[in-house]
Amino acid sequence: MVDYTMKVQEELHFWKHKMTKRTGLISRTSKKAQTKVNGLIPDKVHNVMTESIKNMVKATLVGSNITSKKRPTTVLSLYERDELFKEKLSLFRKTAVVEGAGTGAGGIMLGLADFPLLLSIKMKFLFEAATVYGFDPNEYEERLFLLHVFQLAFSSEETRKETLAIIEDWEVQKHLIADMDWRDFQQGYRDHIDLVKMFQLIPGFGAIVGAFANYNLLDQLGETAMNSYRLRLLHPYERWSEES
């Protein structure tokens, strides 16, 4: 199992490099355009959207808590946790694909319903991820952590680097963070999915886009969640390796 731990350490090294490297020209250009558009939107509108997404996320967290009655898994090896996590990801990815295809096929009205439905699937998935890796999502600190995992998966280049640093040093940071920066949270998420979700609103074409987009969004969240929890489990080992 030492060999597997070393393998995971290598994967974490490459993943952290990918998360902190500079984005491509197309992504930077798109971000500049989105920033310009957001600058034209009145603060009052931003505040309303921030509160809406904040309340939606909090409601989803409560709902996930109600439906997640499983106790954290505490007796599995890292390899067994990773394999169980991959099984969970596969199931949630299929659910997201079906949901995306169904709402995308319905045009604008059902397409708009995709936002809260997909958000609910993602939050439920993160609750399952926490239990697989031995953490209790009933605890406030763990809910705060999974929100940071979510933000790490769907955020700008600058926010991504800051969030990764927080996750890497979570045992210290969790005592310093009282709540999320909900404005940054909702803005990063919206910027990340706005373009592809607009295509999903097109009748006929939307079903294909919805299924494909939701598959990739769950995949992205899955990779981020797995490696974030790996970092927490292996953090003492990682620090020892760096000091050696």
Protein backbone atom coordinates (compact mmCIF):
# COMPACT_ATOMS: atom_id res chain seq x y z
CA MET A 1 0.00 0.00 0.00
CA VAL A 2 3.06 2.23 0.33
CA ASP A 3 3.41 2.03 -3.45
CA TYR A 4 -0.17 3.24 -3.88
CA THR A 5 0.44 6.13 -1.49
CA MET A 6 3.47 7.17 -3.53
CA LYS A 7 1.39 6.93 -6.70
CA VAL A 8 -1.24 9.21 -5.18
CA GLN A 9 1.46 11.66 -4.10
CA GLU A 10 2.64 11.89 -7.71
CA GLU A 11 -0.92 12.40 -8.94
CA LEU A 12 -1.43 15.14 -6.35
CA HIS A 13 1.76 16.87 -7.52
CA PHE A 14 0.55 17.02 -11.13
CA TRP A 15 -2.98 17.97 -10.10
CA LYS A 16 -1.76 20.90 -7.98
CA HIS A 17 0.39 22.06 -10.90
CA LYS A 18 -2.64 21.93 -13.19
CA MET A 19 -4.74 23.88 -10.69
CA THR A 20 -2.17 26.65 -10.29
CA LYS A 21 -0.84 27.04 -13.84
CA ARG A 22 -1.90 30.01 -15.92
CA THR A 23 -5.00 29.53 -18.03
CA GLY A 24 -4.90 29.63 -21.83
CA LEU A 25 -5.43 32.67 -24.04
CA ILE A 26 -9.03 31.74 -24.88
CA SER A 27 -9.93 31.33 -21.22
CA ARG A 28 -8.29 34.64 -20.29
CA THR A 29 -10.07 36.45 -23.13
CA SER A 30 -13.39 34.93 -22.09
CA LYS A 31 -12.77 35.93 -18.48
CA LYS A 32 -12.02 39.53 -19.48
CA ALA A 33 -15.26 39.68 -21.46
CA GLN A 34 -17.26 38.27 -18.56
CA THR A 35 -15.61 40.71 -16.14
CA LYS A 36 -16.51 43.61 -18.42
CA VAL A 37 -20.13 42.45 -18.64
CA ASN A 38 -20.31 41.95 -14.87
CA GLY A 39 -19.01 45.50 -14.41
CA LEU A 40 -22.01 46.81 -16.32
CA ILE A 41 -24.44 45.03 -14.02
CA PRO A 42 -25.61 47.22 -11.09
CA ASP A 43 -24.48 46.22 -7.60
CA LYS A 44 -28.11 45.81 -6.61
CA VAL A 45 -28.52 43.04 -9.16
CA HIS A 46 -25.27 41.37 -8.05
CA ASN A 47 -26.47 41.50 -4.44
CA VAL A 48 -29.79 39.89 -5.35
CA MET A 49 -28.01 37.11 -7.30
CA THR A 50 -25.54 36.59 -4.45
CA GLU A 51 -28.34 36.19 -1.92
CA SER A 52 -30.26 33.90 -4.27
CA ILE A 53 -27.33 31.54 -4.84
CA LYS A 54 -26.35 31.72 -1.15
CA ASN A 55 -29.85 30.70 -0.09
CA MET A 56 -30.03 28.05 -2.81
CA VAL A 57 -26.72 26.49 -1.73
CA LYS A 58 -27.67 26.57 1.95
CA ALA A 59 -31.04 24.98 1.20
CA THR A 60 -29.29 22.31 -0.86
CA LEU A 61 -26.86 21.63 1.98
CA VAL A 62 -29.75 21.11 4.37
CA GLY A 63 -31.48 18.82 1.89
CA SER A 64 -28.31 16.81 1.34
CA ASN A 65 -27.89 16.49 5.08
CA ILE A 66 -31.40 15.10 5.46
CA THR A 67 -30.89 12.48 2.76
CA SER A 68 -27.32 11.58 3.79
CA LYS A 69 -27.71 9.34 6.81
CA LYS A 70 -24.56 7.29 6.29
CA ARG A 71 -21.82 7.44 8.89
CA PRO A 72 -18.31 8.40 7.74
CA THR A 73 -16.26 5.47 6.50
CA THR A 74 -13.37 4.94 8.93
CA VAL A 75 -11.92 1.47 8.29
CA LEU A 76 -10.89 1.59 4.63
CA SER A 77 -7.46 2.07 3.12
CA LEU A 78 -6.81 5.00 0.80
CA TYR A 79 -7.00 2.67 -2.19
CA GLU A 80 -10.39 1.34 -1.06
CA ARG A 81 -11.66 4.86 -0.45
CA ASP A 82 -10.58 5.95 -3.94
CA GLU A 83 -12.27 2.97 -5.57
CA LEU A 84 -15.51 3.53 -3.62
CA PHE A 85 -15.37 7.23 -4.52
CA LYS A 86 -15.05 6.39 -8.23
CA GLU A 87 -18.14 4.21 -7.99
CA LYS A 88 -20.09 7.06 -6.37
CA LEU A 89 -18.85 9.50 -9.02
CA SER A 90 -19.99 7.21 -11.81
CA LEU A 91 -23.51 7.02 -10.36
CA PHE A 92 -23.82 10.77 -9.82
CA ARG A 93 -22.38 11.49 -13.25
CA LYS A 94 -25.05 9.32 -14.86
CA THR A 95 -27.75 11.12 -12.86
CA ALA A 96 -26.38 14.50 -13.97
CA VAL A 97 -26.28 13.39 -17.62
CA VAL A 98 -29.93 12.26 -17.54
CA GLU A 99 -30.95 15.49 -15.80
CA GLY A 100 -29.01 17.64 -18.29
CA ALA A 101 -30.43 15.86 -21.32
CA GLY A 102 -33.97 16.06 -19.97
CA THR A 103 -33.92 19.75 -19.08
CA GLY A 104 -31.93 20.63 -22.21
CA ALA A 105 -34.51 18.97 -24.43
CA GLY A 106 -37.23 21.16 -22.96
CA GLY A 107 -35.87 24.47 -24.16
CA ILE A 108 -35.79 27.65 -22.14
CA MET A 109 -38.22 26.85 -19.30
CA LEU A 110 -36.82 23.44 -18.40
CA GLY A 111 -33.31 24.69 -19.17
CA LEU A 112 -33.65 27.26 -16.43
CA ALA A 113 -34.68 24.50 -14.02
CA ASP A 114 -31.35 22.78 -14.67
CA PHE A 115 -29.45 25.23 -12.48
CA PRO A 116 -30.94 24.29 -9.08
CA LEU A 117 -31.28 20.62 -10.03
CA LEU A 118 -27.63 20.28 -11.03
CA LEU A 119 -26.55 22.23 -7.95
CA SER A 120 -28.47 19.79 -5.78
CA ILE A 121 -26.78 16.81 -7.45
CA LYS A 122 -23.35 18.35 -6.93
CA MET A 123 -23.93 19.08 -3.25
CA LYS A 124 -25.34 15.62 -2.60
CA PHE A 125 -22.28 14.17 -4.33
CA LEU A 126 -19.93 16.20 -2.11
CA PHE A 127 -21.71 14.90 1.00
CA GLU A 128 -21.12 11.35 -0.24
CA ALA A 129 -17.48 12.18 -0.99
CA ALA A 130 -16.95 13.43 2.56
CA THR A 131 -18.32 10.22 4.10
CA VAL A 132 -16.25 8.03 1.76
CA TYR A 133 -13.05 9.72 2.93
CA GLY A 134 -14.01 9.50 6.61
CA PHE A 135 -15.31 13.00 7.33
CA ASP A 136 -18.69 13.89 8.81
CA PRO A 137 -20.64 16.41 6.67
CA ASN A 138 -23.00 17.01 9.60
CA GLU A 139 -20.24 19.12 11.16
CA TYR A 140 -20.15 22.80 10.22
CA GLU A 141 -16.42 22.76 9.46
CA GLU A 142 -16.90 19.90 7.01
CA ARG A 143 -19.71 21.71 5.21
CA LEU A 144 -17.46 24.74 4.96
CA PHE A 145 -14.72 22.52 3.55
CA LEU A 146 -16.94 21.02 0.86
CA LEU A 147 -18.01 24.52 -0.17
CA HIS A 148 -14.33 25.34 -0.67
CA VAL A 149 -13.97 22.16 -2.74
CA PHE A 150 -16.89 23.35 -4.85
CA GLN A 151 -15.31 26.79 -5.22
CA LEU A 152 -11.97 25.26 -6.18
CA ALA A 153 -13.64 23.29 -8.95
CA PHE A 154 -15.56 26.26 -10.38
CA SER A 155 -13.65 29.50 -9.98
CA SER A 156 -11.30 31.95 -11.68
CA GLU A 157 -7.55 31.47 -11.87
CA GLU A 158 -6.87 33.85 -8.97
CA THR A 159 -9.56 32.43 -6.69
CA ARG A 160 -8.50 28.88 -7.54
CA LYS A 161 -4.95 29.49 -6.27
CA GLU A 162 -6.21 31.09 -3.07
CA THR A 163 -8.73 28.31 -2.45
CA LEU A 164 -6.17 25.56 -3.05
CA ALA A 165 -3.89 27.18 -0.47
CA ILE A 166 -6.75 27.17 2.04
CA ILE A 167 -7.54 23.51 1.37
CA GLU A 168 -3.89 22.49 1.68
CA ASP A 169 -3.72 24.14 5.12
CA TRP A 170 -7.27 23.34 6.21
CA GLU A 171 -6.52 22.32 9.79
CA VAL A 172 -5.28 25.86 10.43
CA GLN A 173 -7.56 27.74 8.04
CA LYS A 174 -10.80 26.23 9.36
CA HIS A 175 -10.33 28.17 12.59
CA LEU A 176 -9.89 31.44 10.70
CA ILE A 177 -12.84 31.25 8.29
CA ALA A 178 -16.24 32.20 9.68
CA ASP A 179 -18.20 31.93 6.42
CA MET A 180 -17.85 31.89 2.64
CA ASP A 181 -17.33 34.98 0.53
CA TRP A 182 -20.66 34.45 -1.17
CA ARG A 183 -20.16 37.18 -3.79
CA ASP A 184 -16.97 35.52 -5.08
CA PHE A 185 -18.59 32.10 -4.74
CA GLN A 186 -21.59 32.88 -6.93
CA GLN A 187 -19.62 34.99 -9.41
CA GLY A 188 -17.02 32.27 -9.98
CA TYR A 189 -19.66 29.60 -10.46
CA ARG A 190 -21.73 31.72 -12.83
CA ASP A 191 -18.69 32.71 -14.91
CA HIS A 192 -17.68 29.07 -15.15
CA ILE A 193 -20.97 27.69 -16.45
CA ASP A 194 -22.79 30.66 -18.06
CA LEU A 195 -21.59 30.16 -21.64
CA VAL A 196 -22.27 26.44 -21.95
CA LYS A 197 -25.60 26.75 -20.14
CA MET A 198 -26.77 29.39 -22.63
CA PHE A 199 -26.36 26.83 -25.43
CA GLN A 200 -28.36 24.37 -23.36
CA LEU A 201 -31.39 26.66 -23.63
CA ILE A 202 -31.60 26.11 -27.40
CA PRO A 203 -34.48 23.67 -28.16
CA GLY A 204 -33.34 20.46 -29.86
CA PHE A 205 -29.67 21.25 -29.51
CA GLY A 206 -29.95 21.74 -25.75
CA ALA A 207 -30.32 18.06 -24.88
CA ILE A 208 -26.90 17.17 -26.32
CA VAL A 209 -25.23 20.19 -24.74
CA GLY A 210 -26.94 19.57 -21.39
CA ALA A 211 -25.84 15.94 -21.18
CA PHE A 212 -22.27 16.68 -22.29
CA ALA A 213 -21.91 19.73 -20.02
CA ASN A 214 -23.24 18.00 -16.93
CA TYR A 215 -20.98 14.98 -17.50
CA ASN A 216 -17.92 17.21 -17.65
CA LEU A 217 -18.98 19.40 -14.73
CA LEU A 218 -19.42 16.33 -12.50
CA ASP A 219 -16.13 14.94 -13.75
CA GLN A 220 -14.40 18.18 -12.87
CA LEU A 221 -15.98 18.30 -9.43
CA GLY A 222 -15.09 14.64 -8.88
CA GLU A 223 -11.41 15.15 -9.66
CA THR A 224 -11.29 18.19 -7.39
CA ALA A 225 -13.09 16.47 -4.52
CA MET A 226 -10.99 13.30 -4.65
CA ASN A 227 -7.69 15.17 -4.63
CA SER A 228 -8.83 17.66 -1.99
CA TYR A 229 -9.71 14.86 0.42
CA ARG A 230 -6.54 13.00 -0.49
CA LEU A 231 -4.58 16.11 0.51
CA ARG A 232 -6.24 16.12 3.91
CA LEU A 233 -5.60 12.44 4.53
CA LEU A 234 -1.99 12.58 3.36
CA HIS A 235 -1.07 16.03 4.65
CA PRO A 236 1.10 14.81 7.59
CA TYR A 237 2.94 12.43 5.23
CA GLU A 238 3.38 15.16 2.66
CA ARG A 239 4.89 17.56 5.20
CA TRP A 240 7.27 14.86 6.40
CA SER A 241 8.37 14.21 2.80
CA GLU A 242 9.05 17.91 2.20
CA GLU A 243 11.09 18.22 5.39
CA SER A 244 13.19 15.12 4.66
